[in-house]
Amino acid sequence: MNVPRPAWQEWLPDAVAGLIVATLGLIIAILNYGGFNDYAPIPLGGLSPDREVALLVVVAVVTGAAVAASRPAPGPALALVWMLAGIHVVVGVPILVTELAIAAVAFGTARWGSTAVVWLSALSIPSGATVAVLFLAPDIRRILSRFLRLSALDGLGDTWQPFAAVIGAALLGVPWMAGMVLRVAARARTTVDLASADIARAEADRAQARQIARLREDQAQLARDVHDVVGHSSR
C-alpha cells in the first residue's frame, strides 16, 4: 500500500535548492560588490555601491525564489525570472553568476507548467536572450571575457552579440527541451497506465458477466431439476 508523502517532503528539495542559490548569490554580491574586492566592477547606471549591493541582494533572493518555485509553481517562477530581467534593464545592476540557475526554471516550466506556461516559457527563451543582448551588452561582454579572450571577442566584431544571444538561448533551451521530453514521457506513461487500467477493468467486467451467466444457467438448471422432480412426484 502506497502511503502519500507529507506535503513538506514534496516542496523541501525545491526550497533547499532555492536557498542554496540565494545564499551563493548573497555571498557573491557582498564579497564582489560590497567593498571587499578592490577590483569590483564599476557600478552601472550611476548607482552608488551601497545601492548596487542592496539591489544585488534582491536579485539573489528573487533568483533563489524562482528556483524554489520552478516545480510547485512554474508560472510564478517564470514571472520572477522576467522580474529579474526588468531589474537588470531598468536599474542597471550587474548579472550574478548564480542567475545561471534560472535554467532550472526553464526545465520546470516545460516539465510541470500548464500549457499556457509552456508556450510562454518557449517564447521567453529567445526573447529573453534578445533583451539581454540589447540592453545588457556591457555586462554580458564582461562575463564572456572571463571565459573567452577579449581578442577573441574583438575578432567577432559586431557579431559577438548574436553569438552571445545564441549561447544564452542554448543555456535555457537545452534544459527546456529536457523538461519537455520528460513531460511527454510522463504523459505517455500515464496514457499506457490508463489503457492498462481500462483493459483490466474490461476483463474484470467480462469475467463478472461470465460468472453471472453461469449462475443464471445453474439457477435455470436447478429450476428444471426441481420441475422434473415435482412432475414425477405428482404422477
C-alpha atoms as a PDB file:
ATOM      1  CA  MET A   1       0.000   0.000   0.000  1.00  0.00           C
ATOM      2  CA  ASN A   2       1.416   3.349  -1.071  1.00  0.00           C
ATOM      3  CA  VAL A   3       1.297   5.906   1.731  1.00  0.00           C
ATOM      4  CA  PRO A   4       1.140   9.523   0.454  1.00  0.00           C
ATOM      5  CA  ARG A   5       4.172  11.586   1.439  1.00  0.00           C
ATOM      6  CA  PRO A   6       3.639  14.645   3.622  1.00  0.00           C
ATOM      7  CA  ALA A   7       3.306  17.896   1.687  1.00  0.00           C
ATOM      8  CA  TRP A   8       6.530  19.302   3.122  1.00  0.00           C
ATOM      9  CA  GLN A   9       8.511  16.431   1.626  1.00  0.00           C
ATOM     10  CA  GLU A  10       7.262  17.449  -1.816  1.00  0.00           C
ATOM     11  CA  TRP A  11       8.482  21.034  -1.700  1.00  0.00           C
ATOM     12  CA  LEU A  12      11.507  20.623   0.597  1.00  0.00           C
ATOM     13  CA  PRO A  13      14.061  19.729  -2.147  1.00  0.00           C
ATOM     14  CA  ASP A  14      12.993  22.741  -4.216  1.00  0.00           C
ATOM     15  CA  ALA A  15      13.145  25.016  -1.172  1.00  0.00           C
ATOM     16  CA  VAL A  16      16.639  23.768  -0.324  1.00  0.00           C
ATOM     17  CA  ALA A  17      17.826  24.322  -3.910  1.00  0.00           C
ATOM     18  CA  GLY A  18      16.406  27.841  -3.897  1.00  0.00           C
ATOM     19  CA  LEU A  19      18.003  28.577  -0.523  1.00  0.00           C
ATOM     20  CA  ILE A  20      21.414  27.415  -1.792  1.00  0.00           C
ATOM     21  CA  VAL A  21      21.137  29.592  -4.910  1.00  0.00           C
ATOM     22  CA  ALA A  22      20.045  32.624  -2.885  1.00  0.00           C
ATOM     23  CA  THR A  23      22.832  32.120  -0.334  1.00  0.00           C
ATOM     24  CA  LEU A  24      25.511  31.822  -3.015  1.00  0.00           C
ATOM     25  CA  GLY A  25      24.139  34.929  -4.717  1.00  0.00           C
ATOM     26  CA  LEU A  26      24.254  36.870  -1.452  1.00  0.00           C
ATOM     27  CA  ILE A  27      27.843  35.801  -0.837  1.00  0.00           C
ATOM     28  CA  ILE A  28      28.918  36.797  -4.343  1.00  0.00           C
ATOM     29  CA  ALA A  29      27.079  40.124  -4.136  1.00  0.00           C
ATOM     30  CA  ILE A  30      28.585  41.062  -0.791  1.00  0.00           C
ATOM     31  CA  LEU A  31      32.141  39.866  -1.455  1.00  0.00           C
ATOM     32  CA  ASN A  32      32.450  41.107  -5.042  1.00  0.00           C
ATOM     33  CA  TYR A  33      30.473  44.330  -4.825  1.00  0.00           C
ATOM     34  CA  GLY A  34      30.374  45.206  -1.138  1.00  0.00           C
ATOM     35  CA  GLY A  35      33.709  46.937  -0.815  1.00  0.00           C
ATOM     36  CA  PHE A  36      35.716  43.814  -0.005  1.00  0.00           C
ATOM     37  CA  ASN A  37      37.018  43.486  -3.557  1.00  0.00           C
ATOM     38  CA  ASP A  38      39.301  46.284  -4.792  1.00  0.00           C
ATOM     39  CA  TYR A  39      38.783  45.056  -8.355  1.00  0.00           C
ATOM     40  CA  ALA A  40      34.991  45.080  -8.261  1.00  0.00           C
ATOM     41  CA  PRO A  41      33.363  46.299 -11.478  1.00  0.00           C
ATOM     42  CA  ILE A  42      32.365  49.954 -11.539  1.00  0.00           C
ATOM     43  CA  PRO A  43      28.636  50.267 -10.774  1.00  0.00           C
ATOM     44  CA  LEU A  44      26.491  50.660 -13.840  1.00  0.00           C
ATOM     45  CA  GLY A  45      23.924  53.369 -14.425  1.00  0.00           C
ATOM     46  CA  GLY A  46      25.299  55.764 -11.806  1.00  0.00           C
ATOM     47  CA  LEU A  47      24.376  53.507  -8.885  1.00  0.00           C
ATOM     48  CA  SER A  48      26.101  54.025  -5.570  1.00  0.00           C
ATOM     49  CA  PRO A  49      27.976  50.942  -4.295  1.00  0.00           C
ATOM     50  CA  ASP A  50      25.612  50.553  -1.337  1.00  0.00           C
ATOM     51  CA  ARG A  51      22.518  50.741  -3.515  1.00  0.00           C
ATOM     52  CA  GLU A  52      24.054  48.355  -6.013  1.00  0.00           C
ATOM     53  CA  VAL A  53      24.742  45.782  -3.281  1.00  0.00           C
ATOM     54  CA  ALA A  54      21.199  46.185  -1.944  1.00  0.00           C
ATOM     55  CA  LEU A  55      19.736  45.594  -5.394  1.00  0.00           C
ATOM     56  CA  LEU A  56      22.034  42.604  -5.953  1.00  0.00           C
ATOM     57  CA  VAL A  57      20.747  41.146  -2.687  1.00  0.00           C
ATOM     58  CA  VAL A  58      17.244  41.474  -4.137  1.00  0.00           C
ATOM     59  CA  VAL A  59      18.451  39.788  -7.336  1.00  0.00           C
ATOM     60  CA  ALA A  60      19.962  36.921  -5.325  1.00  0.00           C
ATOM     61  CA  VAL A  61      16.774  36.401  -3.301  1.00  0.00           C
ATOM     62  CA  VAL A  62      14.490  36.591  -6.352  1.00  0.00           C
ATOM     63  CA  THR A  63      16.701  34.098  -8.206  1.00  0.00           C
ATOM     64  CA  GLY A  64      16.505  31.674  -5.281  1.00  0.00           C
ATOM     65  CA  ALA A  65      12.723  32.129  -5.072  1.00  0.00           C
ATOM     66  CA  ALA A  66      12.360  31.405  -8.796  1.00  0.00           C
ATOM     67  CA  VAL A  67      14.387  28.207  -8.482  1.00  0.00           C
ATOM     68  CA  ALA A  68      12.380  27.125  -5.422  1.00  0.00           C
ATOM     69  CA  ALA A  69       9.099  27.703  -7.271  1.00  0.00           C
ATOM     70  CA  SER A  70      10.157  26.048 -10.542  1.00  0.00           C
ATOM     71  CA  ARG A  71       8.335  22.796  -9.762  1.00  0.00           C
ATOM     72  CA  PRO A  72       5.448  23.698  -7.394  1.00  0.00           C
ATOM     73  CA  ALA A  73       4.607  26.989  -9.169  1.00  0.00           C
ATOM     74  CA  PRO A  74       6.184  27.192 -12.660  1.00  0.00           C
ATOM     75  CA  GLY A  75       4.072  30.183 -13.712  1.00  0.00           C
ATOM     76  CA  PRO A  76       5.124  32.459 -10.818  1.00  0.00           C
ATOM     77  CA  ALA A  77       8.705  31.215 -11.260  1.00  0.00           C
ATOM     78  CA  LEU A  78       8.660  32.409 -14.872  1.00  0.00           C
ATOM     79  CA  ALA A  79       7.239  35.750 -13.728  1.00  0.00           C
ATOM     80  CA  LEU A  80      10.093  36.094 -11.225  1.00  0.00           C
ATOM     81  CA  VAL A  81      12.625  35.496 -13.995  1.00  0.00           C
ATOM     82  CA  TRP A  82      11.127  38.329 -16.026  1.00  0.00           C
ATOM     83  CA  MET A  83      11.182  40.438 -12.855  1.00  0.00           C
ATOM     84  CA  LEU A  84      14.927  39.813 -12.729  1.00  0.00           C
ATOM     85  CA  ALA A  85      15.242  40.917 -16.342  1.00  0.00           C
ATOM     86  CA  GLY A  86      13.338  44.088 -15.530  1.00  0.00           C
ATOM     87  CA  ILE A  87      15.634  44.867 -12.589  1.00  0.00           C
ATOM     88  CA  HIS A  88      18.706  44.487 -14.790  1.00  0.00           C
ATOM     89  CA  VAL A  89      17.332  46.504 -17.692  1.00  0.00           C
ATOM     90  CA  VAL A  90      15.648  49.322 -15.777  1.00  0.00           C
ATOM     91  CA  VAL A  91      18.008  49.710 -12.822  1.00  0.00           C
ATOM     92  CA  GLY A  92      21.240  48.548 -14.435  1.00  0.00           C
ATOM     93  CA  VAL A  93      22.589  46.184 -11.783  1.00  0.00           C
ATOM     94  CA  PRO A  94      25.165  43.632 -12.980  1.00  0.00           C
ATOM     95  CA  ILE A  95      24.344  39.998 -13.628  1.00  0.00           C
ATOM     96  CA  LEU A  96      25.222  37.489 -10.903  1.00  0.00           C
ATOM     97  CA  VAL A  97      26.687  34.171 -11.989  1.00  0.00           C
ATOM     98  CA  THR A  98      24.097  32.404  -9.809  1.00  0.00           C
ATOM     99  CA  GLU A  99      21.434  33.594 -12.228  1.00  0.00           C
ATOM    100  CA  LEU A 100      22.509  30.721 -14.455  1.00  0.00           C
ATOM    101  CA  ALA A 101      20.293  28.714 -12.094  1.00  0.00           C
ATOM    102  CA  ILE A 102      17.264  30.035 -13.972  1.00  0.00           C
ATOM    103  CA  ALA A 103      17.959  27.065 -16.241  1.00  0.00           C
ATOM    104  CA  ALA A 104      16.076  25.136 -13.530  1.00  0.00           C
ATOM    105  CA  VAL A 105      13.092  27.420 -14.160  1.00  0.00           C
ATOM    106  CA  ALA A 106      13.290  26.693 -17.899  1.00  0.00           C
ATOM    107  CA  PHE A 107      13.246  22.985 -17.078  1.00  0.00           C
ATOM    108  CA  GLY A 108      10.420  23.338 -14.542  1.00  0.00           C
ATOM    109  CA  THR A 109       8.127  25.365 -16.800  1.00  0.00           C
ATOM    110  CA  ALA A 110       8.432  22.754 -19.550  1.00  0.00           C
ATOM    111  CA  ARG A 111       8.155  19.764 -17.212  1.00  0.00           C
ATOM    112  CA  TRP A 112       5.418  20.848 -14.796  1.00  0.00           C
ATOM    113  CA  GLY A 113       3.881  24.024 -16.216  1.00  0.00           C
ATOM    114  CA  SER A 114       0.415  24.355 -17.709  1.00  0.00           C
ATOM    115  CA  THR A 115       0.022  24.526 -21.467  1.00  0.00           C
ATOM    116  CA  ALA A 116      -0.008  28.334 -21.324  1.00  0.00           C
ATOM    117  CA  VAL A 117       3.142  28.396 -19.178  1.00  0.00           C
ATOM    118  CA  VAL A 118       4.886  26.004 -21.564  1.00  0.00           C
ATOM    119  CA  TRP A 119       4.160  28.285 -24.516  1.00  0.00           C
ATOM    120  CA  LEU A 120       5.139  31.411 -22.595  1.00  0.00           C
ATOM    121  CA  SER A 121       8.404  29.823 -21.472  1.00  0.00           C
ATOM    122  CA  ALA A 122       9.175  28.716 -25.031  1.00  0.00           C
ATOM    123  CA  LEU A 123       8.674  32.288 -26.261  1.00  0.00           C
ATOM    124  CA  SER A 124      10.618  33.688 -23.307  1.00  0.00           C
ATOM    125  CA  ILE A 125      13.842  31.883 -24.179  1.00  0.00           C
ATOM    126  CA  PRO A 126      14.652  33.681 -27.484  1.00  0.00           C
ATOM    127  CA  SER A 127      13.012  36.935 -26.406  1.00  0.00           C
ATOM    128  CA  GLY A 128      14.890  36.917 -23.078  1.00  0.00           C
ATOM    129  CA  ALA A 129      18.198  36.277 -24.831  1.00  0.00           C
ATOM    130  CA  THR A 130      17.474  39.132 -27.248  1.00  0.00           C
ATOM    131  CA  VAL A 131      16.562  41.541 -24.443  1.00  0.00           C
ATOM    132  CA  ALA A 132      19.725  40.605 -22.550  1.00  0.00           C
ATOM    133  CA  VAL A 133      21.967  41.241 -25.543  1.00  0.00           C
ATOM    134  CA  LEU A 134      20.282  44.515 -26.483  1.00  0.00           C
ATOM    135  CA  PHE A 135      20.164  46.070 -23.023  1.00  0.00           C
ATOM    136  CA  LEU A 136      22.906  44.302 -21.057  1.00  0.00           C
ATOM    137  CA  ALA A 137      25.664  44.089 -23.674  1.00  0.00           C
ATOM    138  CA  PRO A 138      28.477  45.557 -21.500  1.00  0.00           C
ATOM    139  CA  ASP A 139      27.734  43.228 -18.623  1.00  0.00           C
ATOM    140  CA  ILE A 140      27.444  40.195 -20.902  1.00  0.00           C
ATOM    141  CA  ARG A 141      30.738  41.137 -22.555  1.00  0.00           C
ATOM    142  CA  ARG A 142      32.328  41.334 -19.108  1.00  0.00           C
ATOM    143  CA  ILE A 143      31.056  37.852 -18.237  1.00  0.00           C
ATOM    144  CA  LEU A 144      32.094  36.359 -21.572  1.00  0.00           C
ATOM    145  CA  SER A 145      35.568  37.839 -21.150  1.00  0.00           C
ATOM    146  CA  ARG A 146      36.052  35.515 -18.171  1.00  0.00           C
ATOM    147  CA  PHE A 147      35.703  32.505 -20.452  1.00  0.00           C
ATOM    148  CA  LEU A 148      36.967  33.949 -23.755  1.00  0.00           C
ATOM    149  CA  ARG A 149      39.889  36.192 -24.515  1.00  0.00           C
ATOM    150  CA  LEU A 150      38.944  39.764 -25.292  1.00  0.00           C
ATOM    151  CA  SER A 151      40.853  39.430 -28.541  1.00  0.00           C
ATOM    152  CA  ALA A 152      38.514  36.594 -29.493  1.00  0.00           C
ATOM    153  CA  LEU A 153      35.511  38.787 -28.764  1.00  0.00           C
ATOM    154  CA  ASP A 154      37.063  41.620 -30.747  1.00  0.00           C
ATOM    155  CA  GLY A 155      37.664  39.225 -33.585  1.00  0.00           C
ATOM    156  CA  LEU A 156      33.952  38.507 -33.717  1.00  0.00           C
ATOM    157  CA  GLY A 157      33.324  42.203 -34.384  1.00  0.00           C
ATOM    158  CA  ASP A 158      29.676  43.168 -34.373  1.00  0.00           C
ATOM    159  CA  THR A 159      28.646  39.505 -34.498  1.00  0.00           C
ATOM    160  CA  TRP A 160      29.517  38.819 -30.864  1.00  0.00           C
ATOM    161  CA  GLN A 161      26.070  39.931 -29.712  1.00  0.00           C
ATOM    162  CA  PRO A 162      24.170  37.406 -31.858  1.00  0.00           C
ATOM    163  CA  PHE A 163      26.786  34.872 -30.739  1.00  0.00           C
ATOM    164  CA  ALA A 164      26.019  35.701 -27.098  1.00  0.00           C
ATOM    165  CA  ALA A 165      22.261  35.518 -27.777  1.00  0.00           C
ATOM    166  CA  VAL A 166      22.654  32.038 -29.249  1.00  0.00           C
ATOM    167  CA  ILE A 167      24.671  30.917 -26.226  1.00  0.00           C
ATOM    168  CA  GLY A 168      22.066  32.328 -23.843  1.00  0.00           C
ATOM    169  CA  ALA A 169      19.195  30.716 -25.731  1.00  0.00           C
ATOM    170  CA  ALA A 170      21.053  27.396 -25.731  1.00  0.00           C
ATOM    171  CA  LEU A 171      21.725  27.569 -21.989  1.00  0.00           C
ATOM    172  CA  LEU A 172      17.992  27.836 -21.389  1.00  0.00           C
ATOM    173  CA  GLY A 173      16.799  25.868 -24.406  1.00  0.00           C
ATOM    174  CA  VAL A 174      18.601  22.637 -23.504  1.00  0.00           C
ATOM    175  CA  PRO A 175      17.011  22.261 -20.036  1.00  0.00           C
ATOM    176  CA  TRP A 176      13.667  23.364 -21.509  1.00  0.00           C
ATOM    177  CA  MET A 177      13.869  20.595 -24.104  1.00  0.00           C
ATOM    178  CA  ALA A 178      14.850  18.108 -21.391  1.00  0.00           C
ATOM    179  CA  GLY A 179      11.765  19.141 -19.435  1.00  0.00           C
ATOM    180  CA  MET A 180       9.576  18.686 -22.500  1.00  0.00           C
ATOM    181  CA  VAL A 181      10.989  15.214 -23.156  1.00  0.00           C
ATOM    182  CA  LEU A 182      10.237  14.155 -19.582  1.00  0.00           C
ATOM    183  CA  ARG A 183       6.797  15.772 -19.797  1.00  0.00           C
ATOM    184  CA  VAL A 184       5.903  13.829 -22.947  1.00  0.00           C
ATOM    185  CA  ALA A 185       7.335  10.610 -21.489  1.00  0.00           C
ATOM    186  CA  ALA A 186       5.305  11.061 -18.299  1.00  0.00           C
ATOM    187  CA  ARG A 187       2.130  11.651 -20.291  1.00  0.00           C
ATOM    188  CA  ALA A 188       2.864   8.587 -22.406  1.00  0.00           C
ATOM    189  CA  ARG A 189       3.293   6.500 -19.251  1.00  0.00           C
ATOM    190  CA  THR A 190       0.040   7.898 -17.890  1.00  0.00           C
ATOM    191  CA  THR A 191      -1.745   7.030 -21.138  1.00  0.00           C
ATOM    192  CA  VAL A 192      -0.351   3.493 -21.044  1.00  0.00           C
ATOM    193  CA  ASP A 193      -1.345   3.101 -17.394  1.00  0.00           C
ATOM    194  CA  LEU A 194      -4.866   4.331 -18.123  1.00  0.00           C
ATOM    195  CA  ALA A 195      -5.140   1.995 -21.099  1.00  0.00           C
ATOM    196  CA  SER A 196      -3.910  -0.910 -18.964  1.00  0.00           C
ATOM    197  CA  ALA A 197      -6.442   0.006 -16.261  1.00  0.00           C
ATOM    198  CA  ASP A 198      -9.223   0.126 -18.866  1.00  0.00           C
ATOM    199  CA  ILE A 199      -8.195  -3.274 -20.212  1.00  0.00           C
ATOM    200  CA  ALA A 200      -8.083  -4.747 -16.716  1.00  0.00           C
ATOM    201  CA  ARG A 201     -11.480  -3.214 -15.909  1.00  0.00           C
ATOM    202  CA  ALA A 202     -12.966  -4.578 -19.132  1.00  0.00           C
ATOM    203  CA  GLU A 203     -11.521  -8.032 -18.394  1.00  0.00           C
ATOM    204  CA  ALA A 204     -12.968  -7.906 -14.884  1.00  0.00           C
ATOM    205  CA  ASP A 205     -16.369  -6.895 -16.308  1.00  0.00           C
ATOM    206  CA  ARG A 206     -16.239  -9.801 -18.768  1.00  0.00           C
ATOM    207  CA  ALA A 207     -15.285 -12.220 -16.006  1.00  0.00           C
ATOM    208  CA  GLN A 208     -18.132 -10.921 -13.856  1.00  0.00           C
ATOM    209  CA  ALA A 209     -20.549 -11.238 -16.781  1.00  0.00           C
ATOM    210  CA  ARG A 210     -19.424 -14.849 -17.371  1.00  0.00           C
ATOM    211  CA  GLN A 211     -19.863 -15.612 -13.672  1.00  0.00           C
ATOM    212  CA  ILE A 212     -23.357 -14.106 -13.672  1.00  0.00           C
ATOM    213  CA  ALA A 213     -24.202 -16.097 -16.799  1.00  0.00           C
ATOM    214  CA  ARG A 214     -23.024 -19.331 -15.138  1.00  0.00           C
ATOM    215  CA  LEU A 215     -25.049 -18.549 -12.012  1.00  0.00           C
ATOM    216  CA  ARG A 216     -28.145 -17.909 -14.098  1.00  0.00           C
ATOM    217  CA  GLU A 217     -27.545 -21.119 -16.031  1.00  0.00           C
ATOM    218  CA  ASP A 218     -27.137 -23.032 -12.774  1.00  0.00           C
ATOM    219  CA  GLN A 219     -30.351 -21.443 -11.463  1.00  0.00           C
ATOM    220  CA  ALA A 220     -32.166 -22.395 -14.640  1.00  0.00           C
ATOM    221  CA  GLN A 221     -30.821 -25.959 -14.434  1.00  0.00           C
ATOM    222  CA  LEU A 222     -31.869 -26.163 -10.768  1.00  0.00           C
ATOM    223  CA  ALA A 223     -35.340 -24.915 -11.674  1.00  0.00           C
ATOM    224  CA  ARG A 224     -35.639 -27.577 -14.396  1.00  0.00           C
ATOM    225  CA  ASP A 225     -34.485 -30.281 -11.996  1.00  0.00           C
ATOM    226  CA  VAL A 226     -37.000 -29.157  -9.382  1.00  0.00           C
ATOM    227  CA  HIS A 227     -39.716 -29.077 -12.020  1.00  0.00           C
ATOM    228  CA  ASP A 228     -38.839 -32.626 -13.124  1.00  0.00           C
ATOM    229  CA  VAL A 229     -38.819 -33.887  -9.544  1.00  0.00           C
ATOM    230  CA  VAL A 230     -42.183 -32.273  -8.815  1.00  0.00           C
ATOM    231  CA  GLY A 231     -43.557 -33.614 -12.060  1.00  0.00           C
ATOM    232  CA  HIS A 232     -42.501 -37.204 -11.248  1.00  0.00           C
ATOM    233  CA  SER A 233     -43.875 -36.941  -7.708  1.00  0.00           C
ATOM    234  CA  SER A 234     -47.301 -35.863  -8.886  1.00  0.00           C
ATOM    235  CA  ARG A 235     -47.726 -38.861 -11.135  1.00  0.00           C
END
